[in-house]
Amino acid sequence: MMKKAGCLVLCLCMLAAMTGCARKSTEEKAPVETLPPAKVGMTAPDGDRMIREPADYLLYVPRQEAQQLSAQTVHIDEADLKDTAAALVRRLLEVTSGETGRRLELYRDMPVEISRGICTVNLSSSVLQLSYSEYYRLALAISTTLCGLKEIRYVNILTAGQSVALDSAGRLPLGSLSGHENENLSVLWEQMEARRTPQGGDAGKTPLSTQATVYYPLTENRGIACESRRISFEGQTVSQYSSALLDAMSETVRSRIESDNVPDLWEYMVHEPVSNEMEEGGKLITLSFREDLQELLDGWQTDIACLAAAVTMTLTTFIPGTAAVCIRIGDTPVTELSNRLYRVGTILGGLMRRSVFESFLTGSALVYFEKAGRLVRTDEPVERNTADSPRVQLGALIHGPDSREREKGITSPLPEEVREDDLLGIAAEGDALLVNLTGRFREAIREQGAEKETLLCYAMVNTLCANTGMKRICFFFEGEQAEWISGEVYWAGEFLYNPEM
């Protein structure tokens, strides 16, 4: 009995000691989770170090006469890590060029764009030497290869800036593709052929259901974003494609703003979209809007430049052979566009091409803000080419919620004094992300007080873990770990993702 009693006393003492590591307060609250409750044996980063490391990836190659894509391992070294997707496509095109005897290449300087899980690949016109079935197999090979990357779910394929039709009539779109490893290529091609308008048939009465990428304007004129949707088209004419895509854009904006009072784009159109062939080649789609279009822009909380960008990117990415879009307000084509973040200027002839608006496309970061004493996860726009940077992700947290979010009671748990230059360094070590902050940041935490310290800490932890996939976060201040700042959180531990907060 004496031994059992001694063990019980010892256990109670150990439990009391562990609770004391989590907080200094005498209140009886559950301790903040840190593993382990002691300083870590790692060095604070001075500057940023890349998280992604050289690794092996799978290329899916469309071998001649093979019924499935052939998997081939390639190594991507440090020189190509900043643009892994483009490096993989280049490797794939090199291998496929050897298979087909044709030189296949990417198009110009920035041929691969990634945003919100959607990758658009722009191939050079050399791929037009391929037959319809060969082009489709190559597109499947590219999409299957790229969907092997965790940040990509769907892939669009363009050629010289335009979507390519998979039929001689120039009507059947490729749509947005996903991965197709281990699937029969002949069967997939037969299914695609079955979607074509029959010879002599009416394209306007040939329905089509496929995956498409819809671009939409962000509130506060902050550019555009995109999402992939399954869309059903009543027929395969340019007008029917345009109508359904613009409807999908309106639905997306309505769901993002979370209001039933958001006006529909079609309410402000004078008539259905009109398509004409341009002298230099390609289709021109003209959209005519009413004079009071500003009412829609106010309802969508955006400007004409962002709307034009979203419409142009949506139509040119999906509708085969579309080279440009013209937007008219009343009888006047829009030829001048301005935006506080993006430079456009004069649109010659009112011909809006996809390349004009590529800079408008943002990336996204999952950011944890505060609402009613709990953390809430939001999707914040960030610069597309740096969306995978932990510094950029924390920068979105520091920047705070937009006006629409603030109207819903969403606030930032970080002190107002904190700035992006308070991030001295961020680097990965194994599955841990090391974050070095300034002494000013530490003092701001102290001044804000213990009441908000836990939410402040886990807003950073959850934001970083959700975006980077790292398992643990360690904080340093001026290169050293701090134990207690406001008395609520033991900062010298390793913090785990805690979405339940």
Protein backbone atom coordinates (compact mmCIF):
# COMPACT_ATOMS: atom_id res chain seq x y z
CA MET A 1 0.00 0.00 0.00
CA MET A 2 2.78 2.41 0.91
CA LYS A 3 4.42 1.87 -2.50
CA LYS A 4 1.10 2.51 -4.31
CA ALA A 5 0.52 5.70 -2.32
CA GLY A 6 4.04 6.89 -3.11
CA CYS A 7 3.51 6.29 -6.81
CA LEU A 8 0.24 8.22 -6.71
CA VAL A 9 1.90 11.23 -5.06
CA LEU A 10 4.73 11.12 -7.61
CA CYS A 11 2.26 11.07 -10.53
CA LEU A 12 0.34 14.03 -9.13
CA CYS A 13 3.57 16.01 -8.73
CA MET A 14 4.59 15.26 -12.34
CA LEU A 15 1.16 16.32 -13.64
CA ALA A 16 1.40 19.62 -11.73
CA ALA A 17 4.85 20.26 -13.15
CA MET A 18 3.71 19.61 -16.76
CA THR A 19 0.79 22.00 -16.36
CA GLY A 20 3.14 24.72 -15.15
CA CYS A 21 5.19 24.50 -18.37
CA ALA A 22 2.20 25.48 -20.46
CA ARG A 23 1.22 28.68 -18.62
CA LYS A 24 2.15 30.80 -15.61
CA SER A 25 -1.45 31.77 -14.82
CA THR A 26 -3.00 30.31 -11.67
CA GLU A 27 -6.36 29.89 -13.42
CA GLU A 28 -7.53 26.30 -13.91
CA LYS A 29 -7.47 26.13 -17.73
CA ALA A 30 -6.35 23.42 -20.14
CA PRO A 31 -2.65 23.88 -21.03
CA VAL A 32 -1.63 25.09 -24.47
CA GLU A 33 -0.21 22.13 -26.39
CA THR A 34 3.52 22.29 -27.11
CA LEU A 35 5.79 19.36 -27.90
CA PRO A 36 8.06 19.13 -25.96
CA PRO A 37 7.81 21.85 -23.25
CA ALA A 38 11.47 22.77 -23.52
CA LYS A 39 13.74 24.78 -25.77
CA VAL A 40 14.52 23.13 -29.09
CA GLY A 41 18.03 22.36 -30.21
CA MET A 42 17.83 24.13 -33.58
CA THR A 43 19.40 27.34 -34.86
CA ALA A 44 17.27 30.35 -35.76
CA PRO A 45 17.28 31.16 -39.49
CA ASP A 46 18.89 34.36 -40.73
CA GLY A 47 16.95 34.96 -43.94
CA ASP A 48 14.77 32.46 -45.81
CA ARG A 49 15.68 29.01 -47.05
CA MET A 50 13.67 27.09 -49.64
CA ILE A 51 11.37 24.39 -48.26
CA ARG A 52 11.16 22.22 -51.39
CA GLU A 53 14.20 20.01 -51.90
CA PRO A 54 15.59 18.18 -54.97
CA ALA A 55 13.51 15.06 -55.54
CA ASP A 56 12.41 12.42 -58.03
CA TYR A 57 9.13 12.87 -59.94
CA LEU A 58 7.14 10.76 -62.38
CA LEU A 59 6.73 11.70 -66.02
CA TYR A 60 3.79 10.08 -67.78
CA VAL A 61 4.86 9.58 -71.39
CA PRO A 62 2.47 8.90 -74.33
CA ARG A 63 4.39 6.04 -75.97
CA GLN A 64 3.60 5.18 -79.59
CA GLU A 65 0.78 2.61 -79.83
CA ALA A 66 0.80 2.02 -76.05
CA GLN A 67 -2.61 1.76 -74.44
CA GLN A 68 -1.54 3.47 -71.21
CA LEU A 69 0.75 6.32 -70.28
CA SER A 70 4.23 5.06 -69.43
CA ALA A 71 5.64 6.23 -66.07
CA GLN A 72 9.28 7.37 -66.09
CA THR A 73 11.23 8.72 -63.10
CA VAL A 74 13.15 12.00 -63.48
CA HIS A 75 15.16 14.01 -60.97
CA ILE A 76 14.51 17.72 -60.48
CA ASP A 77 17.53 19.43 -58.96
CA GLU A 78 17.82 22.71 -57.08
CA ALA A 79 18.16 24.82 -60.24
CA ASP A 80 14.59 23.94 -61.33
CA LEU A 81 12.85 23.88 -57.95
CA LYS A 82 11.37 27.37 -58.30
CA ASP A 83 9.43 26.21 -61.37
CA THR A 84 9.07 22.48 -60.97
CA ALA A 85 5.94 22.26 -63.13
CA ALA A 86 7.60 23.93 -66.13
CA ALA A 87 10.70 21.77 -65.68
CA LEU A 88 8.58 18.61 -65.72
CA VAL A 89 6.70 19.67 -68.87
CA ARG A 90 9.98 20.47 -70.64
CA ARG A 91 11.35 17.02 -69.76
CA LEU A 92 8.13 15.41 -70.96
CA LEU A 93 8.19 17.31 -74.26
CA GLU A 94 11.81 16.28 -74.82
CA VAL A 95 10.93 12.61 -74.38
CA THR A 96 7.78 12.91 -76.49
CA SER A 97 9.68 14.71 -79.25
CA GLY A 98 11.90 11.65 -79.51
CA GLU A 99 8.83 9.41 -79.68
CA THR A 100 7.02 11.41 -82.38
CA GLY A 101 9.99 12.70 -84.37
CA ARG A 102 8.65 16.26 -83.98
CA ARG A 103 10.21 19.06 -81.93
CA LEU A 104 7.66 19.94 -79.23
CA GLU A 105 8.26 22.99 -77.03
CA LEU A 106 6.65 25.37 -74.56
CA TYR A 107 5.46 28.79 -75.72
CA ARG A 108 7.60 31.88 -75.02
CA ASP A 109 8.90 33.03 -71.62
CA MET A 110 6.16 32.29 -69.06
CA PRO A 111 4.46 29.16 -70.40
CA VAL A 112 3.15 27.69 -67.13
CA GLU A 113 0.87 29.48 -64.65
CA ILE A 114 -0.45 27.96 -61.42
CA SER A 115 -3.24 29.38 -59.30
CA ARG A 116 -5.50 27.77 -56.70
CA GLY A 117 -4.81 24.23 -57.80
CA ILE A 118 -5.23 24.96 -61.52
CA CYS A 119 -2.28 24.91 -63.91
CA THR A 120 -2.41 26.32 -67.45
CA VAL A 121 0.29 25.15 -69.86
CA ASN A 122 0.97 27.09 -73.05
CA LEU A 123 2.57 25.01 -75.82
CA SER A 124 4.24 26.31 -78.96
CA SER A 125 2.49 26.00 -82.33
CA SER A 126 4.79 23.05 -83.18
CA VAL A 127 2.28 20.72 -81.47
CA LEU A 128 -0.26 21.52 -84.20
CA GLN A 129 1.64 19.04 -86.38
CA LEU A 130 0.10 16.28 -84.25
CA SER A 131 -3.17 14.58 -85.12
CA TYR A 132 -6.20 15.17 -82.91
CA SER A 133 -5.68 11.89 -81.06
CA GLU A 134 -1.92 12.52 -80.63
CA TYR A 135 -2.60 16.02 -79.28
CA TYR A 136 -5.15 14.59 -76.84
CA ARG A 137 -2.71 11.90 -75.65
CA LEU A 138 -0.03 14.56 -75.12
CA ALA A 139 -2.50 16.69 -73.16
CA LEU A 140 -3.36 13.70 -70.97
CA ALA A 141 0.34 13.01 -70.42
CA ILE A 142 0.95 16.62 -69.31
CA SER A 143 -2.08 16.74 -67.00
CA THR A 144 -1.30 13.35 -65.42
CA THR A 145 2.32 14.38 -64.83
CA LEU A 146 1.41 17.74 -63.28
CA CYS A 147 -1.45 16.39 -61.16
CA GLY A 148 1.23 14.36 -59.40
CA LEU A 149 2.29 17.63 -57.74
CA LYS A 150 0.35 18.32 -54.53
CA GLU A 151 -0.44 21.90 -55.58
CA ILE A 152 -2.15 20.96 -58.89
CA ARG A 153 -5.60 19.37 -59.34
CA TYR A 154 -6.58 20.45 -62.87
CA VAL A 155 -4.66 21.38 -66.02
CA ASN A 156 -5.60 23.53 -69.04
CA ILE A 157 -3.64 23.18 -72.28
CA LEU A 158 -3.28 26.13 -74.67
CA THR A 159 -1.32 26.38 -77.89
CA ALA A 160 0.20 29.76 -78.82
CA GLY A 161 -2.19 31.39 -76.36
CA GLN A 162 -5.37 29.73 -77.61
CA SER A 163 -7.49 26.71 -76.76
CA VAL A 164 -7.34 24.06 -79.49
CA ALA A 165 -10.43 22.21 -80.76
CA LEU A 166 -10.41 18.42 -81.01
CA ASP A 167 -12.55 18.29 -84.15
CA SER A 168 -12.25 19.62 -87.71
CA ALA A 169 -15.23 21.95 -87.18
CA GLY A 170 -13.28 23.78 -84.47
CA ARG A 171 -15.98 23.37 -81.82
CA LEU A 172 -15.04 20.62 -79.34
CA PRO A 173 -13.01 22.03 -76.39
CA LEU A 174 -10.45 20.08 -74.41
CA GLY A 175 -11.67 21.49 -71.10
CA SER A 176 -9.80 21.19 -67.81
CA LEU A 177 -8.04 17.85 -67.36
CA SER A 178 -7.09 15.80 -64.31
CA GLY A 179 -4.76 12.80 -63.93
CA HIS A 180 -5.36 9.61 -65.95
CA GLU A 181 -2.66 7.17 -64.90
CA ASN A 182 -3.43 3.48 -65.62
CA GLU A 183 -6.40 4.36 -67.86
CA ASN A 184 -6.86 3.08 -71.40
CA LEU A 185 -5.95 5.88 -73.81
CA SER A 186 -7.99 4.46 -76.70
CA VAL A 187 -11.10 4.32 -74.56
CA LEU A 188 -10.57 7.88 -73.35
CA TRP A 189 -10.15 9.09 -76.93
CA GLU A 190 -13.32 7.26 -78.03
CA GLN A 191 -15.22 8.97 -75.21
CA MET A 192 -13.89 12.35 -76.35
CA GLU A 193 -14.82 11.67 -79.99
CA ALA A 194 -18.35 10.75 -78.92
CA ARG A 195 -18.82 14.35 -77.70
CA ARG A 196 -18.36 15.81 -81.19
CA THR A 197 -21.26 17.21 -83.17
CA PRO A 198 -22.17 14.47 -85.69
CA GLN A 199 -21.33 15.26 -89.31
CA GLY A 200 -24.22 17.25 -90.71
CA GLY A 201 -25.65 17.68 -87.22
CA ASP A 202 -26.67 20.87 -85.45
CA ALA A 203 -23.93 22.06 -83.05
CA GLY A 204 -26.50 24.13 -81.19
CA LYS A 205 -28.38 20.94 -80.29
CA THR A 206 -25.38 18.86 -79.27
CA PRO A 207 -25.07 19.15 -75.49
CA LEU A 208 -21.75 18.93 -73.69
CA SER A 209 -20.84 18.48 -70.03
CA THR A 210 -17.21 19.01 -69.11
CA GLN A 211 -14.81 20.48 -66.56
CA ALA A 212 -13.95 24.13 -67.20
CA THR A 213 -11.93 26.84 -65.48
CA VAL A 214 -13.90 29.93 -64.51
CA TYR A 215 -12.02 33.14 -63.69
CA TYR A 216 -13.80 35.70 -61.53
CA PRO A 217 -13.00 39.23 -60.26
CA LEU A 218 -11.96 39.67 -56.65
CA THR A 219 -13.54 42.28 -54.41
CA GLU A 220 -11.78 45.59 -53.81
CA ASN A 221 -10.25 45.50 -57.33
CA ARG A 222 -7.54 43.06 -56.19
CA GLY A 223 -7.29 41.13 -59.46
CA ILE A 224 -8.89 37.84 -60.44
CA ALA A 225 -8.97 34.26 -59.15
CA CYS A 226 -10.07 30.98 -60.69
CA GLU A 227 -11.82 27.73 -59.89
CA SER A 228 -12.68 24.55 -61.78
CA ARG A 229 -16.34 23.71 -62.28
CA ARG A 230 -18.35 21.04 -64.05
CA ILE A 231 -20.48 22.94 -66.55
CA SER A 232 -23.32 21.68 -68.73
CA PHE A 233 -23.66 23.44 -72.10
CA GLU A 234 -26.91 23.23 -74.07
CA GLY A 235 -24.98 23.18 -77.33
CA GLN A 236 -21.54 23.67 -78.85
CA THR A 237 -21.81 27.13 -80.38
CA VAL A 238 -19.64 30.03 -79.25
CA SER A 239 -22.70 31.86 -77.94
CA GLN A 240 -23.80 28.85 -75.88
CA TYR A 241 -20.32 28.33 -74.48
CA SER A 242 -20.02 32.02 -73.59
CA SER A 243 -23.47 32.17 -71.99
CA ALA A 244 -22.88 29.17 -69.73
CA LEU A 245 -19.40 30.35 -68.73
CA LEU A 246 -20.65 33.84 -67.82
CA ASP A 247 -23.50 32.28 -65.82
CA ALA A 248 -20.93 30.20 -63.93
CA MET A 249 -18.91 33.36 -63.25
CA SER A 250 -21.97 35.07 -61.76
CA GLU A 251 -22.68 32.03 -59.57
CA THR A 252 -19.11 32.00 -58.35
CA VAL A 253 -19.14 35.70 -57.44
CA ARG A 254 -22.49 35.26 -55.68
CA SER A 255 -21.14 32.40 -53.58
CA ARG A 256 -17.93 34.30 -52.75
CA ILE A 257 -19.73 37.43 -51.62
CA GLU A 258 -22.32 35.24 -49.85
CA SER A 259 -25.32 37.31 -50.81
CA ASP A 260 -28.46 36.63 -52.86
CA ASN A 261 -28.56 40.29 -53.91
CA VAL A 262 -25.49 40.10 -56.14
CA PRO A 263 -26.54 41.08 -59.70
CA ASP A 264 -26.24 38.58 -62.54
CA LEU A 265 -23.92 39.43 -65.44
CA TRP A 266 -26.61 38.49 -67.95
CA GLU A 267 -28.98 41.12 -66.57
CA TYR A 268 -26.65 43.81 -67.94
CA MET A 269 -26.07 42.35 -71.42
CA VAL A 270 -27.81 43.89 -74.42
CA HIS A 271 -27.82 40.66 -76.43
CA GLU A 272 -26.11 37.28 -76.67
CA PRO A 273 -22.35 37.15 -77.35
CA VAL A 274 -21.35 37.57 -80.99
CA SER A 275 -18.43 35.71 -82.61
CA ASN A 276 -16.47 36.79 -85.69
CA GLU A 277 -13.34 35.52 -87.40
CA MET A 278 -10.42 37.96 -87.22
CA GLU A 279 -8.32 38.75 -90.31
CA GLU A 280 -5.13 37.64 -88.57
CA GLY A 281 -6.79 34.42 -87.45
CA GLY A 282 -8.77 33.34 -84.42
CA LYS A 283 -12.19 34.26 -83.09
CA LEU A 284 -13.22 37.60 -81.64
CA ILE A 285 -16.06 37.37 -79.11
CA THR A 286 -17.95 40.61 -78.56
CA LEU A 287 -19.96 41.21 -75.38
CA SER A 288 -22.30 44.22 -75.32
CA PHE A 289 -23.38 45.61 -71.94
CA ARG A 290 -25.88 48.26 -70.91
CA GLU A 291 -24.83 51.80 -70.09
CA ASP A 292 -25.51 51.20 -66.40
CA LEU A 293 -22.87 48.44 -66.07
CA GLN A 294 -21.40 50.36 -63.12
CA GLU A 295 -24.33 49.07 -61.03
CA LEU A 296 -23.07 45.52 -61.56
CA LEU A 297 -19.50 46.53 -60.77
CA ASP A 298 -20.67 48.09 -57.51
CA GLY A 299 -22.62 44.94 -56.64
CA TRP A 300 -19.62 42.76 -57.42
CA GLN A 301 -17.33 45.16 -55.50
CA THR A 302 -14.88 45.32 -58.41
CA ASP A 303 -13.87 47.52 -61.35
CA ILE A 304 -14.16 47.21 -65.12
CA ALA A 305 -10.50 46.17 -65.47
CA CYS A 306 -10.92 43.12 -63.21
CA LEU A 307 -14.22 42.20 -64.87
CA ALA A 308 -12.61 42.43 -68.32
CA ALA A 309 -9.69 40.31 -67.12
CA ALA A 310 -11.98 37.60 -65.72
CA VAL A 311 -14.18 37.49 -68.84
CA THR A 312 -11.23 37.43 -71.25
CA MET A 313 -9.33 34.74 -69.34
CA THR A 314 -12.45 32.55 -69.02
CA LEU A 315 -13.49 32.67 -72.66
CA THR A 316 -10.02 32.38 -74.23
CA THR A 317 -9.00 29.49 -71.95
CA PHE A 318 -12.02 27.35 -72.81
CA ILE A 319 -13.55 28.26 -76.19
CA PRO A 320 -11.45 26.83 -79.06
CA GLY A 321 -9.70 29.30 -81.31
CA THR A 322 -10.66 32.42 -79.34
CA ALA A 323 -7.93 35.02 -79.78
CA ALA A 324 -9.57 38.10 -78.25
CA VAL A 325 -12.62 39.55 -76.52
CA CYS A 326 -14.22 42.94 -77.13
CA ILE A 327 -16.36 44.52 -74.41
CA ARG A 328 -18.81 47.23 -75.40
CA ILE A 329 -20.72 49.50 -73.04
CA GLY A 330 -23.63 50.74 -75.09
CA ASP A 331 -22.20 51.32 -78.57
CA THR A 332 -18.67 52.11 -77.38
CA PRO A 333 -15.90 49.51 -77.12
CA VAL A 334 -13.79 49.66 -73.97
CA THR A 335 -10.28 50.74 -74.97
CA GLU A 336 -8.91 52.22 -71.72
CA LEU A 337 -8.53 50.24 -68.49
CA SER A 338 -6.94 51.25 -65.21
CA ASN A 339 -6.48 49.47 -61.89
CA ARG A 340 -4.64 50.52 -58.72
CA LEU A 341 -2.59 47.28 -58.66
CA TYR A 342 -2.22 46.23 -62.30
CA ARG A 343 -1.11 48.21 -65.31
CA VAL A 344 -3.12 47.87 -68.52
CA GLY A 345 -3.50 51.20 -70.28
CA THR A 346 -4.80 51.44 -73.85
CA ILE A 347 -6.35 48.38 -75.51
CA LEU A 348 -5.70 48.82 -79.22
CA GLY A 349 -8.91 48.37 -81.16
CA GLY A 350 -10.61 47.19 -77.99
CA LEU A 351 -9.13 43.72 -78.60
CA MET A 352 -8.56 42.18 -75.17
CA ARG A 353 -6.18 39.23 -75.37
CA ARG A 354 -5.36 36.71 -72.68
CA SER A 355 -1.74 37.87 -72.42
CA VAL A 356 -2.88 41.39 -71.39
CA PHE A 357 -4.46 40.09 -68.19
CA GLU A 358 -2.19 37.25 -67.04
CA SER A 359 -0.69 39.50 -64.35
CA PHE A 360 -4.18 39.97 -62.83
CA LEU A 361 -4.33 36.30 -61.83
CA THR A 362 -3.60 35.84 -58.14
CA GLY A 363 -2.61 32.86 -56.05
CA SER A 364 -4.11 32.09 -52.65
CA ALA A 365 -3.10 31.41 -49.08
CA LEU A 366 -5.15 29.84 -46.29
CA VAL A 367 -5.02 32.36 -43.46
CA TYR A 368 -6.37 32.05 -39.92
CA PHE A 369 -7.99 35.20 -38.60
CA GLU A 370 -10.10 35.71 -35.47
CA LYS A 371 -13.87 35.87 -35.09
CA ALA A 372 -15.72 35.90 -31.75
CA GLY A 373 -12.73 34.56 -29.84
CA ARG A 374 -11.97 31.66 -32.21
CA LEU A 375 -9.81 31.20 -35.27
CA VAL A 376 -11.51 31.11 -38.68
CA ARG A 377 -9.84 29.99 -41.90
CA THR A 378 -10.09 32.31 -44.91
CA ASP A 379 -8.82 32.17 -48.48
CA GLU A 380 -6.70 35.27 -49.13
CA PRO A 381 -5.34 36.40 -52.53
CA VAL A 382 -1.56 36.65 -52.79
CA GLU A 383 0.95 37.15 -55.60
CA ARG A 384 0.67 34.02 -57.76
CA ASN A 385 4.36 33.32 -58.33
CA THR A 386 5.19 33.47 -54.60
CA ALA A 387 2.05 31.86 -53.17
CA ASP A 388 4.05 28.91 -51.81
CA SER A 389 6.34 31.18 -49.77
CA PRO A 390 5.82 31.03 -45.97
CA ARG A 391 6.86 34.68 -45.83
CA VAL A 392 4.06 35.61 -48.23
CA GLN A 393 1.56 33.49 -46.28
CA LEU A 394 2.46 35.19 -43.00
CA GLY A 395 2.41 38.50 -44.86
CA ALA A 396 -1.26 37.88 -45.73
CA LEU A 397 -1.94 37.28 -42.03
CA ILE A 398 -0.12 40.48 -41.10
CA HIS A 399 -1.98 42.46 -43.77
CA GLY A 400 -5.28 41.45 -42.16
CA PRO A 401 -8.81 40.82 -43.47
CA ASP A 402 -10.41 42.91 -46.21
CA SER A 403 -13.39 45.22 -45.66
CA ARG A 404 -15.94 42.54 -46.57
CA GLU A 405 -14.45 40.19 -44.00
CA ARG A 406 -14.31 42.92 -41.37
CA GLU A 407 -18.03 43.54 -41.91
CA LYS A 408 -18.59 39.92 -40.89
CA GLY A 409 -16.72 40.45 -37.62
CA ILE A 410 -13.43 38.91 -38.78
CA THR A 411 -10.34 40.59 -37.32
CA SER A 412 -6.62 39.97 -37.17
CA PRO A 413 -5.26 38.44 -33.93
CA LEU A 414 -1.87 40.05 -34.62
CA PRO A 415 -0.93 43.44 -33.13
CA GLU A 416 -1.36 46.38 -35.50
CA GLU A 417 2.29 47.37 -34.96
CA VAL A 418 3.59 44.18 -36.60
CA ARG A 419 5.00 44.54 -40.13
CA GLU A 420 6.37 42.12 -42.71
CA ASP A 421 9.92 43.30 -41.98
CA ASP A 422 9.48 41.81 -38.50
CA LEU A 423 10.04 38.41 -40.17
CA LEU A 424 13.81 38.01 -39.92
CA GLY A 425 13.98 34.54 -41.41
CA ILE A 426 11.95 31.42 -42.19
CA ALA A 427 13.48 28.04 -42.97
CA ALA A 428 12.68 24.33 -42.87
CA GLU A 429 14.55 21.71 -40.88
CA GLY A 430 13.08 18.27 -41.42
CA ASP A 431 9.35 18.52 -40.82
CA ALA A 432 9.77 21.65 -38.67
CA LEU A 433 9.47 25.23 -39.87
CA LEU A 434 11.68 27.71 -38.00
CA VAL A 435 10.43 31.30 -37.76
CA ASN A 436 12.74 34.07 -36.54
CA LEU A 437 10.94 37.26 -35.45
CA THR A 438 12.15 40.66 -34.26
CA GLY A 439 12.26 41.89 -30.71
CA ARG A 440 9.66 44.46 -31.76
CA PHE A 441 7.30 41.59 -32.58
CA ARG A 442 7.90 40.10 -29.11
CA GLU A 443 7.23 43.45 -27.45
CA ALA A 444 4.01 43.86 -29.43
CA ILE A 445 2.86 40.47 -28.14
CA ARG A 446 3.65 41.56 -24.59
CA GLU A 447 1.75 44.85 -24.98
CA GLN A 448 -1.28 43.13 -26.49
CA GLY A 449 -1.56 41.01 -23.34
CA ALA A 450 -2.14 37.40 -22.32
CA GLU A 451 -5.80 37.40 -23.34
CA LYS A 452 -4.99 37.28 -27.08
CA GLU A 453 -1.64 35.51 -26.92
CA THR A 454 -2.91 31.99 -27.63
CA LEU A 455 -4.96 33.00 -30.70
CA LEU A 456 -2.06 35.12 -31.95
CA CYS A 457 0.33 32.20 -31.67
CA TYR A 458 -1.93 29.63 -33.33
CA ALA A 459 -3.00 32.03 -36.07
CA MET A 460 0.63 31.88 -37.24
CA VAL A 461 1.02 28.15 -36.54
CA ASN A 462 -2.15 27.13 -38.37
CA THR A 463 -1.53 29.46 -41.30
CA LEU A 464 1.96 28.04 -41.86
CA CYS A 465 1.00 24.38 -41.35
CA ALA A 466 -2.09 24.61 -43.60
CA ASN A 467 -0.11 26.08 -46.51
CA THR A 468 3.28 24.36 -46.24
CA GLY A 469 2.33 20.92 -44.96
CA MET A 470 4.99 21.21 -42.25
CA LYS A 471 4.24 19.34 -39.01
CA ARG A 472 5.87 21.59 -36.41
CA ILE A 473 6.53 25.32 -35.99
CA CYS A 474 9.32 26.76 -33.81
CA PHE A 475 9.57 30.46 -32.97
CA PHE A 476 12.67 32.54 -32.29
CA PHE A 477 13.00 36.21 -31.39
CA GLU A 478 16.21 37.93 -32.51
CA GLY A 479 17.75 34.48 -32.93
CA GLU A 480 16.85 33.18 -29.46
CA GLN A 481 13.89 31.24 -28.14
CA ALA A 482 11.76 33.01 -25.55
CA GLU A 483 10.00 31.01 -22.84
CA TRP A 484 7.27 33.37 -21.61
CA ILE A 485 6.11 36.68 -23.13
CA SER A 486 2.66 37.49 -21.74
CA GLY A 487 2.35 34.43 -19.51
CA GLU A 488 -0.21 32.48 -21.53
CA VAL A 489 1.98 30.56 -23.99
CA TYR A 490 5.29 28.73 -23.54
CA TRP A 491 7.02 29.94 -26.72
CA ALA A 492 10.12 27.72 -26.51
CA GLY A 493 8.23 24.57 -27.53
CA GLU A 494 7.34 23.09 -30.91
CA PHE A 495 3.79 23.94 -31.96
CA LEU A 496 1.49 21.57 -33.85
CA TYR A 497 -1.37 22.38 -36.22
CA ASN A 498 -4.52 22.98 -34.16
CA PRO A 499 -7.51 23.73 -36.44
CA GLU A 500 -9.94 23.07 -33.57
CA MET A 501 -9.15 26.54 -32.19
